[in-house]
């Protein structure tokens, strides 16, 4: 790394995405053609549109979940909290090709309202999605989903805002480091 005149260091372009961190992690549940559910832990998710409601998740084609979502055209974005951090990390460390991640991570699948992949009981919010497009973006695919159902725990989500004092969302900083928010600050301008 080279120190620039402005007291900033050059970052290897391979780590440029980390300058956009921390990113909250989500647990994406999906299902194969035979009904076997899987979970992938990702930090690359984002809203795309309010009307119609659309979101995107980015997954490497090397991942088992990539194939499942591509085939079944449905997925659920589940929002975990720090209370289940270790469970969420397990879902990102083992492959669904070899393990039943719900059992391995001790998470509970519950039928979703409108899609085949289950929601995760231990998560505080869920976005049920139908795949409307898949864009290949370098070494990842961007799965664009239309949100057909969205719901959250009423004790932690009010008027479109999480209560950061009651719920600790998981934010990935990089490598094996995670953090959470501690409070909400309202700014009056």
N, C-alpha and C. Protein backbone atom coordinates (compact mmCIF):
# COMPACT_ATOMS: atom_id res chain seq x y z
N UNK A 1 0.84 -1.19 0.00
CA UNK A 1 0.00 0.00 0.00
C UNK A 1 0.89 1.25 0.00
N UNK A 2 0.46 2.23 -0.74
CA UNK A 2 1.22 3.47 -0.87
C UNK A 2 0.46 4.59 -0.17
N UNK A 3 1.15 5.36 0.65
CA UNK A 3 0.54 6.50 1.32
C UNK A 3 0.48 7.66 0.34
N UNK A 4 -0.72 8.17 0.07
CA UNK A 4 -0.89 9.29 -0.83
C UNK A 4 -0.67 10.60 -0.08
N UNK A 5 -0.51 11.70 -0.80
CA UNK A 5 -0.25 13.00 -0.19
C UNK A 5 -1.36 13.43 0.76
N UNK A 6 -2.55 12.96 0.55
CA UNK A 6 -3.68 13.37 1.38
C UNK A 6 -3.87 12.47 2.60
N UNK A 7 -2.83 11.74 2.96
CA UNK A 7 -2.88 10.81 4.09
C UNK A 7 -3.88 9.68 3.86
N UNK A 8 -4.09 9.33 2.61
CA UNK A 8 -4.94 8.21 2.26
C UNK A 8 -4.07 7.14 1.62
N UNK A 9 -4.45 5.89 1.81
CA UNK A 9 -3.68 4.80 1.24
C UNK A 9 -4.40 4.26 0.01
N UNK A 10 -3.61 3.75 -0.93
CA UNK A 10 -4.20 3.10 -2.09
C UNK A 10 -4.72 1.75 -1.66
N UNK A 11 -5.85 1.38 -2.23
CA UNK A 11 -6.48 0.09 -1.93
C UNK A 11 -6.39 -0.78 -3.17
N UNK A 12 -6.00 -2.01 -2.98
CA UNK A 12 -5.99 -2.97 -4.09
C UNK A 12 -7.42 -3.03 -4.64
N UNK A 13 -7.58 -2.95 -5.94
CA UNK A 13 -8.92 -2.93 -6.54
C UNK A 13 -9.74 -4.17 -6.19
N UNK A 14 -9.06 -5.26 -5.87
CA UNK A 14 -9.77 -6.47 -5.46
C UNK A 14 -10.52 -6.27 -4.14
N UNK A 15 -10.13 -5.26 -3.36
CA UNK A 15 -10.79 -4.97 -2.09
C UNK A 15 -11.58 -3.67 -2.14
N UNK A 16 -11.74 -3.10 -3.32
CA UNK A 16 -12.46 -1.82 -3.45
C UNK A 16 -13.88 -1.92 -2.90
N UNK A 17 -14.54 -3.04 -3.10
CA UNK A 17 -15.91 -3.20 -2.60
C UNK A 17 -15.99 -3.04 -1.09
N UNK A 18 -14.92 -3.35 -0.39
CA UNK A 18 -14.92 -3.24 1.08
C UNK A 18 -15.00 -1.79 1.55
N UNK A 19 -14.72 -0.84 0.66
CA UNK A 19 -14.88 0.57 1.03
C UNK A 19 -16.35 0.94 1.16
N UNK A 20 -17.23 0.08 0.69
CA UNK A 20 -18.68 0.29 0.81
C UNK A 20 -19.25 -0.38 2.06
N UNK A 21 -18.39 -0.99 2.85
CA UNK A 21 -18.81 -1.69 4.06
C UNK A 21 -18.85 -0.71 5.23
N UNK A 22 -19.54 -1.03 6.33
CA UNK A 22 -20.20 -2.29 6.62
C UNK A 22 -21.50 -2.45 5.84
N UNK A 23 -21.88 -3.71 5.61
CA UNK A 23 -23.11 -4.07 4.90
C UNK A 23 -23.88 -5.01 5.80
N UNK A 24 -25.19 -4.80 5.90
CA UNK A 24 -25.92 -5.74 6.74
C UNK A 24 -26.07 -7.06 6.01
N UNK A 25 -25.94 -8.13 6.78
CA UNK A 25 -26.05 -9.45 6.17
C UNK A 25 -27.51 -9.90 6.20
N UNK A 26 -27.83 -10.72 5.23
CA UNK A 26 -29.16 -11.31 5.14
C UNK A 26 -28.99 -12.81 4.92
N UNK A 27 -30.01 -13.54 5.31
CA UNK A 27 -30.05 -14.97 5.05
C UNK A 27 -31.07 -15.19 3.95
N UNK A 28 -30.61 -15.66 2.81
CA UNK A 28 -31.50 -15.87 1.69
C UNK A 28 -31.87 -17.35 1.66
N UNK A 29 -33.17 -17.62 1.77
CA UNK A 29 -33.62 -19.01 1.67
C UNK A 29 -34.12 -19.25 0.26
N UNK A 30 -33.83 -20.45 -0.20
CA UNK A 30 -34.23 -20.87 -1.54
C UNK A 30 -34.54 -22.36 -1.48
N UNK A 31 -34.93 -22.93 -2.59
CA UNK A 31 -35.40 -24.31 -2.58
C UNK A 31 -35.05 -24.97 -3.91
N UNK A 32 -34.79 -26.28 -3.87
CA UNK A 32 -34.52 -26.97 -5.13
C UNK A 32 -35.83 -27.48 -5.74
N UNK A 33 -35.74 -28.09 -6.91
CA UNK A 33 -36.94 -28.56 -7.62
C UNK A 33 -37.70 -29.63 -6.85
N UNK A 34 -37.01 -30.33 -5.94
CA UNK A 34 -37.63 -31.40 -5.15
C UNK A 34 -38.15 -30.93 -3.80
N UNK A 35 -38.00 -29.64 -3.50
CA UNK A 35 -38.52 -29.09 -2.25
C UNK A 35 -37.53 -29.02 -1.11
N UNK A 36 -36.24 -29.35 -1.35
CA UNK A 36 -35.23 -29.25 -0.29
C UNK A 36 -34.79 -27.79 -0.17
N UNK A 37 -34.93 -27.25 1.04
CA UNK A 37 -34.60 -25.85 1.29
C UNK A 37 -33.11 -25.65 1.56
N UNK A 38 -32.64 -24.47 1.27
CA UNK A 38 -31.25 -24.10 1.51
C UNK A 38 -31.20 -22.65 1.98
N UNK A 39 -30.07 -22.27 2.56
CA UNK A 39 -29.85 -20.90 3.04
C UNK A 39 -28.47 -20.46 2.59
N UNK A 40 -28.35 -19.21 2.16
CA UNK A 40 -27.04 -18.61 1.89
C UNK A 40 -26.96 -17.29 2.65
N UNK A 41 -25.83 -17.06 3.28
CA UNK A 41 -25.57 -15.81 3.99
C UNK A 41 -24.88 -14.86 3.03
N UNK A 42 -25.44 -13.67 2.85
CA UNK A 42 -24.80 -12.70 1.95
C UNK A 42 -24.85 -11.30 2.54
N UNK A 43 -23.90 -10.49 2.14
CA UNK A 43 -23.88 -9.09 2.53
C UNK A 43 -24.17 -8.19 1.33
N UNK A 44 -24.31 -8.78 0.17
CA UNK A 44 -24.54 -8.00 -1.04
C UNK A 44 -26.02 -8.05 -1.42
N UNK A 45 -26.79 -7.17 -0.81
CA UNK A 45 -28.21 -7.02 -1.13
C UNK A 45 -28.53 -5.54 -1.16
N UNK A 46 -29.58 -5.19 -1.91
CA UNK A 46 -29.93 -3.77 -1.98
C UNK A 46 -31.33 -3.58 -2.55
N UNK A 47 -32.00 -2.49 -2.15
CA UNK A 47 -33.27 -2.14 -2.78
C UNK A 47 -33.00 -1.57 -4.17
N UNK A 48 -33.95 -1.80 -5.09
CA UNK A 48 -33.81 -1.28 -6.45
C UNK A 48 -34.94 -0.35 -6.85
N UNK A 49 -36.15 -0.62 -6.34
CA UNK A 49 -37.32 0.14 -6.76
C UNK A 49 -38.35 0.12 -5.64
N UNK A 50 -39.06 1.24 -5.48
CA UNK A 50 -40.14 1.31 -4.50
C UNK A 50 -41.45 0.82 -5.13
N UNK A 51 -41.71 1.25 -6.38
CA UNK A 51 -42.95 0.89 -7.04
C UNK A 51 -42.69 0.50 -8.49
N UNK A 52 -42.67 -0.78 -8.84
CA UNK A 52 -42.96 -1.90 -7.95
C UNK A 52 -41.78 -2.16 -7.02
N UNK A 53 -42.05 -2.77 -5.85
CA UNK A 53 -40.94 -3.04 -4.93
C UNK A 53 -40.02 -4.12 -5.49
N UNK A 54 -38.75 -3.77 -5.65
CA UNK A 54 -37.76 -4.72 -6.17
C UNK A 54 -36.48 -4.62 -5.36
N UNK A 55 -35.83 -5.76 -5.22
CA UNK A 55 -34.56 -5.85 -4.52
C UNK A 55 -33.59 -6.67 -5.36
N UNK A 56 -32.32 -6.60 -5.00
CA UNK A 56 -31.31 -7.40 -5.69
C UNK A 56 -30.40 -8.06 -4.67
N UNK A 57 -29.97 -9.26 -5.01
CA UNK A 57 -28.95 -9.95 -4.24
C UNK A 57 -27.88 -10.40 -5.22
N UNK A 58 -26.64 -10.41 -4.78
CA UNK A 58 -25.54 -10.78 -5.64
C UNK A 58 -24.91 -12.07 -5.11
N UNK A 59 -24.82 -13.09 -5.99
CA UNK A 59 -24.32 -14.41 -5.59
C UNK A 59 -23.36 -14.91 -6.67
N UNK A 60 -22.29 -15.56 -6.23
CA UNK A 60 -21.36 -16.18 -7.16
C UNK A 60 -21.99 -17.43 -7.77
N UNK A 61 -21.77 -17.66 -9.08
CA UNK A 61 -22.31 -18.88 -9.70
C UNK A 61 -21.69 -20.16 -9.12
N UNK A 62 -20.62 -20.04 -8.35
CA UNK A 62 -20.01 -21.20 -7.70
C UNK A 62 -20.89 -21.71 -6.55
N UNK A 63 -21.76 -20.85 -6.06
CA UNK A 63 -22.59 -21.19 -4.89
C UNK A 63 -23.79 -22.03 -5.31
N UNK A 64 -24.13 -22.99 -4.48
CA UNK A 64 -25.26 -23.88 -4.71
C UNK A 64 -26.56 -23.09 -4.85
N UNK A 65 -26.74 -22.05 -4.04
CA UNK A 65 -27.97 -21.25 -4.07
C UNK A 65 -28.18 -20.56 -5.41
N UNK A 66 -27.11 -20.22 -6.10
CA UNK A 66 -27.22 -19.59 -7.41
C UNK A 66 -28.06 -20.47 -8.33
N UNK A 67 -27.70 -21.74 -8.40
CA UNK A 67 -28.40 -22.71 -9.25
C UNK A 67 -29.86 -22.84 -8.82
N UNK A 68 -30.10 -22.91 -7.51
CA UNK A 68 -31.46 -23.11 -7.02
C UNK A 68 -32.36 -21.94 -7.38
N UNK A 69 -31.89 -20.73 -7.16
CA UNK A 69 -32.71 -19.55 -7.47
C UNK A 69 -32.91 -19.42 -8.98
N UNK A 70 -31.87 -19.71 -9.73
CA UNK A 70 -31.98 -19.65 -11.19
C UNK A 70 -33.04 -20.63 -11.69
N UNK A 71 -33.11 -21.81 -11.10
CA UNK A 71 -34.06 -22.84 -11.53
C UNK A 71 -35.49 -22.59 -11.06
N UNK A 72 -35.65 -22.23 -9.78
CA UNK A 72 -37.00 -22.14 -9.20
C UNK A 72 -37.60 -20.74 -9.30
N UNK A 73 -36.73 -19.74 -9.51
CA UNK A 73 -37.16 -18.35 -9.72
C UNK A 73 -37.86 -17.73 -8.51
N UNK A 74 -37.51 -18.20 -7.31
CA UNK A 74 -38.05 -17.62 -6.07
C UNK A 74 -36.96 -17.62 -5.00
N UNK A 75 -37.06 -16.66 -4.07
CA UNK A 75 -36.17 -16.63 -2.92
C UNK A 75 -36.80 -15.76 -1.85
N UNK A 76 -36.31 -15.91 -0.62
CA UNK A 76 -36.76 -15.08 0.50
C UNK A 76 -35.53 -14.45 1.14
N UNK A 77 -35.58 -13.13 1.30
CA UNK A 77 -34.54 -12.44 2.05
C UNK A 77 -35.02 -12.35 3.49
N UNK A 78 -34.29 -13.01 4.40
CA UNK A 78 -34.60 -13.04 5.83
C UNK A 78 -33.60 -12.15 6.56
N UNK A 79 -34.08 -11.35 7.49
CA UNK A 79 -33.22 -10.41 8.21
C UNK A 79 -32.87 -10.96 9.59
N UNK A 80 -31.60 -11.36 9.78
CA UNK A 80 -31.18 -11.90 11.08
C UNK A 80 -30.72 -10.79 12.02
N UNK A 81 -30.58 -11.14 13.28
CA UNK A 81 -30.06 -10.22 14.29
C UNK A 81 -28.82 -10.83 14.95
N UNK A 82 -28.14 -10.03 15.75
CA UNK A 82 -26.94 -10.49 16.44
C UNK A 82 -27.22 -11.71 17.32
N UNK A 83 -28.45 -11.89 17.73
CA UNK A 83 -28.80 -13.05 18.56
C UNK A 83 -28.53 -14.36 17.84
N UNK A 84 -28.55 -14.34 16.52
CA UNK A 84 -28.30 -15.58 15.77
C UNK A 84 -27.07 -15.45 14.86
N UNK A 85 -26.12 -14.61 15.25
CA UNK A 85 -24.92 -14.39 14.45
C UNK A 85 -24.20 -15.70 14.12
N UNK A 86 -23.95 -16.53 15.12
CA UNK A 86 -23.22 -17.77 14.88
C UNK A 86 -23.98 -18.69 13.92
N UNK A 87 -25.30 -18.75 14.05
CA UNK A 87 -26.12 -19.56 13.15
C UNK A 87 -25.99 -19.04 11.72
N UNK A 88 -26.05 -17.71 11.57
CA UNK A 88 -25.94 -17.09 10.25
C UNK A 88 -24.58 -17.36 9.62
N UNK A 89 -23.54 -17.33 10.41
CA UNK A 89 -22.19 -17.57 9.89
C UNK A 89 -22.05 -19.01 9.42
N UNK A 90 -22.64 -19.95 10.15
CA UNK A 90 -22.61 -21.35 9.71
C UNK A 90 -23.20 -21.48 8.31
N UNK A 91 -24.30 -20.77 8.06
CA UNK A 91 -24.95 -20.85 6.74
C UNK A 91 -24.06 -20.33 5.62
N UNK A 92 -23.08 -19.50 5.96
CA UNK A 92 -22.15 -18.98 4.96
C UNK A 92 -20.87 -19.79 4.85
N UNK A 93 -20.64 -20.70 5.79
CA UNK A 93 -19.38 -21.45 5.81
C UNK A 93 -19.50 -22.86 5.25
N UNK A 94 -20.71 -23.42 5.22
CA UNK A 94 -20.88 -24.78 4.70
C UNK A 94 -21.76 -24.74 3.45
N UNK A 95 -21.64 -25.79 2.63
CA UNK A 95 -22.40 -25.83 1.38
C UNK A 95 -23.69 -26.62 1.54
N UNK A 96 -24.75 -26.10 0.93
CA UNK A 96 -26.03 -26.80 0.91
C UNK A 96 -26.00 -28.04 0.04
N UNK A 97 -24.96 -28.18 -0.78
CA UNK A 97 -24.80 -29.41 -1.56
C UNK A 97 -24.52 -30.59 -0.63
N UNK A 98 -23.85 -30.29 0.49
CA UNK A 98 -23.40 -31.34 1.41
C UNK A 98 -24.19 -31.39 2.71
N UNK A 99 -24.78 -30.28 3.12
CA UNK A 99 -25.44 -30.21 4.42
C UNK A 99 -26.85 -29.64 4.30
N UNK A 100 -27.71 -30.05 5.20
CA UNK A 100 -28.99 -29.38 5.40
C UNK A 100 -28.68 -28.21 6.33
N UNK A 101 -28.62 -27.01 5.77
CA UNK A 101 -28.18 -25.85 6.55
C UNK A 101 -29.16 -25.50 7.67
N UNK A 102 -30.44 -25.76 7.48
CA UNK A 102 -31.39 -25.50 8.56
C UNK A 102 -31.02 -26.33 9.79
N UNK A 103 -30.69 -27.61 9.58
CA UNK A 103 -30.30 -28.48 10.71
C UNK A 103 -28.94 -28.08 11.25
N UNK A 104 -27.98 -27.90 10.35
CA UNK A 104 -26.60 -27.59 10.75
C UNK A 104 -26.54 -26.29 11.57
N UNK A 105 -27.33 -25.29 11.15
CA UNK A 105 -27.31 -23.98 11.83
C UNK A 105 -28.37 -23.87 12.92
N UNK A 106 -29.14 -24.92 13.11
CA UNK A 106 -30.21 -24.92 14.13
C UNK A 106 -31.19 -23.77 13.92
N UNK A 107 -31.64 -23.63 12.67
CA UNK A 107 -32.64 -22.63 12.31
C UNK A 107 -33.93 -23.34 11.90
N UNK A 108 -35.05 -22.64 12.03
CA UNK A 108 -36.36 -23.25 11.82
C UNK A 108 -37.02 -22.76 10.54
N UNK A 109 -37.27 -23.67 9.57
CA UNK A 109 -38.00 -23.26 8.37
C UNK A 109 -39.49 -23.22 8.65
N UNK A 110 -40.14 -22.17 8.17
CA UNK A 110 -41.59 -22.02 8.30
C UNK A 110 -42.12 -21.69 6.90
N UNK A 111 -43.28 -22.24 6.52
CA UNK A 111 -43.81 -21.93 5.19
C UNK A 111 -43.98 -20.41 4.99
N UNK A 112 -43.57 -19.95 3.83
CA UNK A 112 -43.76 -18.55 3.46
C UNK A 112 -45.21 -18.35 3.06
N UNK A 113 -45.61 -17.09 2.92
CA UNK A 113 -46.99 -16.77 2.56
C UNK A 113 -47.30 -17.05 1.09
N UNK A 114 -46.33 -16.72 0.19
CA UNK A 114 -46.63 -16.77 -1.25
C UNK A 114 -45.61 -17.48 -2.12
N UNK A 115 -44.46 -17.84 -1.59
CA UNK A 115 -43.44 -18.52 -2.38
C UNK A 115 -43.11 -19.87 -1.75
N UNK A 116 -42.44 -20.73 -2.50
CA UNK A 116 -42.10 -22.07 -2.00
C UNK A 116 -40.95 -22.08 -0.99
N UNK A 117 -39.90 -21.27 -1.19
CA UNK A 117 -38.84 -21.30 -0.17
C UNK A 117 -39.40 -20.85 1.19
N UNK A 118 -38.95 -21.48 2.26
CA UNK A 118 -39.46 -21.11 3.59
C UNK A 118 -38.84 -19.82 4.10
N UNK A 119 -39.52 -19.23 5.08
CA UNK A 119 -38.91 -18.14 5.84
C UNK A 119 -38.15 -18.78 6.99
N UNK A 120 -37.32 -18.00 7.65
CA UNK A 120 -36.55 -18.47 8.79
C UNK A 120 -37.16 -17.87 10.05
N UNK A 121 -37.71 -18.73 10.90
CA UNK A 121 -38.44 -18.29 12.10
C UNK A 121 -37.63 -17.33 12.96
N UNK A 122 -36.36 -17.58 13.14
CA UNK A 122 -35.52 -16.81 14.04
C UNK A 122 -35.20 -15.40 13.51
N UNK A 123 -35.52 -15.12 12.27
CA UNK A 123 -35.26 -13.79 11.69
C UNK A 123 -36.42 -12.85 12.01
N UNK A 124 -36.15 -11.55 11.98
CA UNK A 124 -37.15 -10.56 12.39
C UNK A 124 -37.95 -9.97 11.24
N UNK A 125 -37.51 -10.21 10.01
CA UNK A 125 -38.24 -9.66 8.86
C UNK A 125 -37.98 -10.55 7.64
N UNK A 126 -38.90 -10.45 6.67
CA UNK A 126 -38.84 -11.32 5.51
C UNK A 126 -39.34 -10.59 4.27
N UNK A 127 -38.65 -10.79 3.16
CA UNK A 127 -39.06 -10.29 1.86
C UNK A 127 -39.18 -11.50 0.93
N UNK A 128 -40.40 -11.85 0.57
CA UNK A 128 -40.63 -12.95 -0.36
C UNK A 128 -40.54 -12.40 -1.77
N UNK A 129 -39.73 -13.05 -2.59
CA UNK A 129 -39.43 -12.49 -3.92
C UNK A 129 -39.61 -13.50 -5.04
N UNK A 130 -40.07 -12.98 -6.16
CA UNK A 130 -40.12 -13.72 -7.43
C UNK A 130 -39.01 -13.15 -8.31
N UNK A 131 -38.20 -14.02 -8.86
CA UNK A 131 -37.10 -13.59 -9.73
C UNK A 131 -37.66 -13.00 -11.02
N UNK A 132 -37.24 -11.78 -11.34
CA UNK A 132 -37.68 -11.18 -12.60
C UNK A 132 -36.53 -10.99 -13.58
N UNK A 133 -35.28 -11.06 -13.08
CA UNK A 133 -34.15 -10.92 -13.98
C UNK A 133 -32.89 -11.41 -13.29
N UNK A 134 -31.95 -11.89 -14.08
CA UNK A 134 -30.63 -12.29 -13.60
C UNK A 134 -29.61 -11.67 -14.53
N UNK A 135 -28.78 -10.83 -13.99
CA UNK A 135 -27.72 -10.18 -14.77
C UNK A 135 -26.38 -10.73 -14.32
N UNK A 136 -25.57 -11.15 -15.28
CA UNK A 136 -24.23 -11.61 -14.94
C UNK A 136 -23.35 -10.37 -14.84
N UNK A 137 -22.70 -10.21 -13.71
CA UNK A 137 -21.88 -9.02 -13.45
C UNK A 137 -20.49 -9.47 -13.01
N UNK A 138 -19.63 -9.75 -13.96
CA UNK A 138 -18.29 -10.23 -13.62
C UNK A 138 -18.37 -11.60 -13.01
N UNK A 139 -17.83 -11.75 -11.79
CA UNK A 139 -17.80 -13.07 -11.15
C UNK A 139 -19.02 -13.36 -10.27
N UNK A 140 -20.05 -12.52 -10.37
CA UNK A 140 -21.29 -12.72 -9.61
C UNK A 140 -22.50 -12.53 -10.52
N UNK A 141 -23.62 -13.05 -10.07
CA UNK A 141 -24.89 -12.81 -10.75
C UNK A 141 -25.74 -11.92 -9.86
N UNK A 142 -26.41 -10.96 -10.46
CA UNK A 142 -27.30 -10.05 -9.74
C UNK A 142 -28.73 -10.55 -9.95
N UNK A 143 -29.30 -11.12 -8.91
CA UNK A 143 -30.66 -11.63 -8.96
C UNK A 143 -31.61 -10.50 -8.59
N UNK A 144 -32.46 -10.13 -9.51
CA UNK A 144 -33.43 -9.05 -9.27
C UNK A 144 -34.77 -9.68 -8.99
N UNK A 145 -35.30 -9.38 -7.82
CA UNK A 145 -36.57 -9.97 -7.42
C UNK A 145 -37.62 -8.92 -7.15
N UNK A 146 -38.86 -9.23 -7.53
CA UNK A 146 -39.97 -8.38 -7.16
C UNK A 146 -40.47 -8.88 -5.81
N UNK A 147 -40.62 -7.96 -4.87
CA UNK A 147 -41.10 -8.30 -3.54
C UNK A 147 -42.60 -8.49 -3.62
N UNK A 148 -43.05 -9.70 -3.30
CA UNK A 148 -44.50 -9.95 -3.35
C UNK A 148 -45.11 -10.03 -1.95
N UNK A 149 -44.28 -10.19 -0.95
CA UNK A 149 -44.72 -10.15 0.46
C UNK A 149 -43.58 -9.55 1.27
N UNK A 150 -43.91 -8.71 2.24
CA UNK A 150 -42.91 -8.15 3.14
C UNK A 150 -43.54 -8.02 4.52
N UNK A 151 -42.85 -8.54 5.53
CA UNK A 151 -43.38 -8.45 6.89
C UNK A 151 -42.23 -8.49 7.89
N UNK A 152 -42.50 -7.89 9.08
CA UNK A 152 -41.47 -7.75 10.11
C UNK A 152 -42.10 -7.86 11.49
N UNK A 153 -41.26 -8.11 12.45
CA UNK A 153 -41.68 -8.16 13.85
C UNK A 153 -42.14 -6.76 14.26
N UNK A 154 -43.38 -6.65 14.69
CA UNK A 154 -43.96 -5.34 15.03
C UNK A 154 -43.28 -4.66 16.22
N UNK A 155 -42.57 -5.41 17.04
CA UNK A 155 -41.91 -4.82 18.21
C UNK A 155 -40.63 -4.07 17.86
N UNK A 156 -40.10 -4.31 16.65
CA UNK A 156 -38.82 -3.69 16.30
C UNK A 156 -38.87 -2.84 15.02
N UNK A 157 -39.99 -2.83 14.34
CA UNK A 157 -40.10 -2.07 13.08
C UNK A 157 -41.35 -1.22 13.13
N UNK A 158 -41.15 0.12 13.22
CA UNK A 158 -42.27 1.06 13.34
C UNK A 158 -42.15 2.15 12.29
N UNK A 159 -43.25 2.44 11.62
CA UNK A 159 -43.31 3.55 10.66
C UNK A 159 -42.15 3.52 9.67
N UNK A 160 -41.80 2.32 9.21
CA UNK A 160 -40.76 2.19 8.20
C UNK A 160 -39.34 2.27 8.71
N UNK A 161 -39.12 2.13 10.03
CA UNK A 161 -37.77 2.26 10.60
C UNK A 161 -37.55 1.18 11.66
N UNK A 162 -36.37 0.53 11.61
CA UNK A 162 -35.99 -0.39 12.68
C UNK A 162 -35.66 0.40 13.93
N UNK A 163 -35.98 -0.13 15.08
CA UNK A 163 -35.60 0.47 16.35
C UNK A 163 -34.26 -0.15 16.74
N UNK A 164 -33.17 0.57 16.50
CA UNK A 164 -31.82 0.06 16.71
C UNK A 164 -31.51 -0.21 18.18
N UNK A 165 -32.29 0.35 19.08
CA UNK A 165 -32.07 0.07 20.49
C UNK A 165 -32.70 -1.27 20.89
N UNK A 166 -33.67 -1.74 20.11
CA UNK A 166 -34.33 -3.01 20.41
C UNK A 166 -33.81 -4.16 19.56
N UNK A 167 -33.35 -3.87 18.38
CA UNK A 167 -32.90 -4.92 17.47
C UNK A 167 -31.49 -4.62 17.01
N UNK A 168 -30.66 -5.63 17.01
CA UNK A 168 -29.26 -5.47 16.59
C UNK A 168 -29.06 -6.23 15.28
N UNK A 169 -29.21 -5.49 14.17
CA UNK A 169 -28.95 -6.08 12.86
C UNK A 169 -27.47 -6.40 12.75
N UNK A 170 -27.13 -7.36 11.92
CA UNK A 170 -25.74 -7.78 11.76
C UNK A 170 -25.13 -7.07 10.56
N UNK A 171 -24.03 -6.39 10.80
CA UNK A 171 -23.29 -5.72 9.72
C UNK A 171 -21.92 -6.36 9.57
N UNK A 172 -21.60 -6.77 8.34
CA UNK A 172 -20.30 -7.36 8.06
C UNK A 172 -19.31 -6.23 7.79
N UNK A 173 -18.20 -6.24 8.48
CA UNK A 173 -17.16 -5.22 8.30
C UNK A 173 -16.14 -5.71 7.28
N UNK A 174 -15.84 -6.99 7.32
CA UNK A 174 -14.86 -7.61 6.44
C UNK A 174 -14.23 -8.78 7.15
N UNK A 175 -13.79 -9.77 6.37
CA UNK A 175 -13.21 -11.00 6.90
C UNK A 175 -14.18 -11.61 7.92
N UNK A 176 -13.73 -11.88 9.13
CA UNK A 176 -14.58 -12.48 10.16
C UNK A 176 -15.03 -11.47 11.20
N UNK A 177 -15.22 -10.21 10.80
CA UNK A 177 -15.60 -9.15 11.73
C UNK A 177 -17.01 -8.64 11.44
N UNK A 178 -17.77 -8.45 12.51
CA UNK A 178 -19.16 -8.00 12.42
C UNK A 178 -19.41 -6.93 13.46
N UNK A 179 -20.43 -6.12 13.22
CA UNK A 179 -20.81 -5.08 14.17
C UNK A 179 -22.32 -4.89 14.11
N UNK A 180 -22.82 -3.97 14.94
CA UNK A 180 -24.24 -3.65 14.94
C UNK A 180 -24.42 -2.18 15.29
N UNK A 181 -25.62 -1.66 15.04
CA UNK A 181 -25.94 -0.29 15.41
C UNK A 181 -26.43 -0.28 16.86
N UNK A 182 -26.28 0.86 17.54
CA UNK A 182 -26.70 0.92 18.93
C UNK A 182 -27.85 1.86 19.19
N UNK A 183 -28.11 2.79 18.28
CA UNK A 183 -29.22 3.71 18.52
C UNK A 183 -29.63 4.39 17.22
N UNK A 184 -30.83 4.95 17.25
CA UNK A 184 -31.33 5.75 16.11
C UNK A 184 -31.11 7.21 16.46
N UNK A 185 -30.71 7.99 15.47
CA UNK A 185 -30.55 9.43 15.65
C UNK A 185 -31.40 10.12 14.62
N UNK A 186 -32.29 10.97 15.07
CA UNK A 186 -33.13 11.73 14.15
C UNK A 186 -32.49 13.09 13.92
N UNK A 187 -32.34 13.45 12.66
CA UNK A 187 -31.70 14.71 12.29
C UNK A 187 -32.77 15.69 11.81
N UNK A 188 -32.75 16.86 12.37
CA UNK A 188 -33.67 17.92 11.94
C UNK A 188 -32.89 18.95 11.15
N UNK A 189 -33.26 19.18 9.92
CA UNK A 189 -32.55 20.15 9.09
C UNK A 189 -33.50 21.25 8.69
